[in-house]
Amino acid sequence: MNIFNYKNKSPSLDKNVFVAKGAIVIGNCHIGSDSSVWFNTVLRGDVANIQIGRNTNIQDNSTLHVTDDLDLIVGNNVTVGHGVILHSCCVGDYSLIGMGSVVLDNVEVGEYSLVAAGSLLPPNKKYGSKKLIRGNPAREVRDLSIEEIQSLKSSSLHYVDRKNEYLDPKVVKII
């Protein structure tokens, strides 16, 4: 694992966290239990805190960073898709940030929200709960259906299962 202290600040990982080979976690980062940080992802908590909740997955090639004294908070049961950039923002519980999206400083994404792939959420914007958010610049398009909300719950649990497979040496062996 590539886990680094920065200016005497050490990342902390709760139980059953998976950090994939090639992922880097630096400085003041906390990752909650049963969460996963996938291949070639960077969490750089050098100038503020990065807080990742329980059962949350940060998928391959994502970048999480912070502005001076402005924390980044990702809630519980969140799915962050491949190649996402999260920068000093707050993502509510059970949300999904679609592949290639960019979420900038002081943005708040409400719980149970779905950010469509490739969206750009500009600084200082607040989005509600149970919303479909998309575009460049992103806007709330509509309320999510009950089925879509259920799908958000299933997504994070799917990745807890996948993470458990990767932690099982009978399933995945480093060669």
Foldseek 3Di string as FASTA:
>chain_A
DAWEAEPNAGEAEDPLEEEEPQEHEYGAEYAEHLEYEEHNEYAHQHQHHEYHEALEYAYAQEYEEEDHHQYEYEYYLEYEEHNEYEYSEYEEALEYAAACEYEYHHEYHEHLEYEYHNEYDDYNYYHYHQFYWYDHPIDTDDGHDPVSSVVSNVVSVVVSVVSVQCVDCVRDPDD
